Every structure is written in structure tokens, then in C-alpha cells.
Protein backbone atom coordinates (compact mmCIF):
# COMPACT_ATOMS: atom_id res chain seq x y z
CA MET A 1 -2.34 -1.91 14.72
CA ALA A 2 -5.43 -0.95 12.64
CA GLN A 3 -6.26 2.68 11.64
CA VAL A 4 -7.87 4.75 9.09
CA ALA A 5 -5.26 6.78 6.99
CA THR A 6 -5.63 10.36 6.23
CA ILE A 7 -5.39 10.93 2.35
CA VAL A 8 -2.96 14.03 1.63
CA ASN A 9 -2.79 13.94 -1.95
CA GLU A 10 -4.17 11.33 -4.69
CA ASN A 11 -4.40 11.24 -8.47
CA GLN A 12 -4.54 8.36 -10.88
CA ARG A 13 -0.91 7.23 -10.39
CA ILE A 14 -0.34 8.04 -6.61
CA THR A 15 -1.98 8.04 -3.25
CA GLN A 16 0.24 9.96 -0.50
CA LEU A 17 -1.25 9.14 2.98
CA THR A 18 -0.38 9.80 6.69
CA VAL A 19 -0.47 7.10 9.19
CA THR A 20 0.61 7.23 12.92
CA THR A 21 3.73 5.33 14.23
CA VAL A 22 2.47 5.70 17.88
CA GLY A 23 2.79 2.15 19.24
CA LEU A 24 5.53 1.01 16.80
CA THR A 25 8.94 0.46 17.72
CA LEU A 26 11.33 2.72 15.69
CA PRO A 27 13.42 1.74 13.66
CA GLY A 28 11.61 -1.36 12.45
CA ARG A 29 10.30 -3.34 9.45
CA TYR A 30 6.34 -3.64 9.43
CA ARG A 31 4.18 -5.82 7.31
CA TYR A 32 1.00 -3.66 5.92
CA GLU A 33 -2.26 -4.36 4.35
CA ILE A 34 -4.54 -1.62 2.67
CA TYR A 35 -8.09 -2.19 2.65
CA GLY A 36 -10.78 -0.32 0.45
CA GLN A 37 -13.88 0.52 2.35
CA ASN A 38 -16.75 2.70 2.43
CA SER A 39 -16.21 3.91 6.22
CA ALA A 40 -13.98 6.70 7.14
CA VAL A 41 -13.88 5.06 10.70
CA ASN A 42 -14.10 1.18 10.52
CA LEU A 43 -10.90 -0.73 11.77
CA ASN A 44 -12.01 -4.41 11.31
CA PRO A 45 -11.04 -5.88 7.84
CA THR A 46 -14.12 -8.37 8.08
CA ASN A 47 -16.85 -5.58 8.36
CA ALA A 48 -19.26 -5.20 5.73
CA ALA A 49 -17.87 -1.78 4.72
CA VAL A 50 -14.76 -3.20 3.37
CA VAL A 51 -14.77 -3.62 -0.47
CA GLY A 52 -11.50 -5.70 -0.61
CA LEU A 53 -7.76 -5.85 0.13
CA CYS A 54 -5.98 -3.62 -2.20
CA ARG A 55 -2.11 -3.78 -1.35
CA ILE A 56 0.28 -5.68 0.94
CA GLY A 57 3.69 -4.80 1.21
CA TRP A 58 6.71 -4.01 3.54
CA LEU A 59 7.36 -0.50 5.50
CA ASP A 60 10.88 0.40 6.69
CA LEU A 61 10.35 2.87 9.35
CA ASN A 62 13.56 4.88 10.53
CA SER A 63 12.63 8.09 12.75
CA SER A 64 10.46 10.49 10.94
CA THR A 65 11.77 9.98 7.22
CA ILE A 66 9.20 9.53 4.57
CA TYR A 67 9.59 6.18 3.06
CA TYR A 68 7.85 4.36 0.16
CA ASP A 69 8.31 1.06 -1.57
CA VAL A 70 8.89 0.71 -5.26
CA PRO A 71 6.96 -2.28 -6.54
CA ASN A 72 9.14 -5.18 -8.55
CA ILE A 73 7.41 -5.31 -11.66
CA THR A 74 8.53 -7.76 -14.49
CA ILE A 75 7.06 -7.34 -17.83
CA ASN A 76 7.88 -9.84 -20.51
CA ASP A 77 9.20 -8.61 -23.74
CA ASP A 78 6.63 -8.76 -26.59
CA ILE A 79 7.80 -11.28 -29.18
CA ILE A 80 6.22 -11.62 -32.76
CA TYR A 81 7.43 -14.46 -34.85
CA ASN A 82 5.70 -15.07 -38.05
CA GLY A 83 7.99 -17.93 -39.28
CA ASN A 84 10.15 -15.98 -41.69
CA PRO A 85 13.66 -15.39 -40.19
């Protein structure tokens, strides 16, 4: 189900948005794709207004609870070895 989300709050670190769950079976787990675009009404991901794919993820819906996903990010340790133990 394609839709244009309503931005509720946005800053450099987070964007909060509202989407409709009309047409979805609750509870459920849904895959989502977020596209950046230069249109407030376009629902076609192949339209010229689309700048690119920004995010893909899973959304677990259960009634009207607010959910978000935390990305699993692995950052390798910085190891500096100069040959002198």
C-alpha cells in the first residue's frame, strides 16, 4: 500500500511521521520502503519525482501503539599497531 507520509517532527537525527494503517490487517509485520522525492502526492516509486530509496525495514503493528525500529549497527574497533608491543 503506497502512501505519502505526513511529517510530524524532523531534525538532523530523526524524522517522525504519520501513516495510515487503513487496509492493513492488525496485528502484523510489514516490510516498508521509504523513497525521497520532490512531490507531495506521487505514489509511484518509478516516477521521475523520486530521488532514490532512503530506507528499507520491518514494522510490527499492534493496535494503535507507536513503534519504531532500532538499526543494528556494528562499528569495528579502531586498532592502531605501530609494531612496538
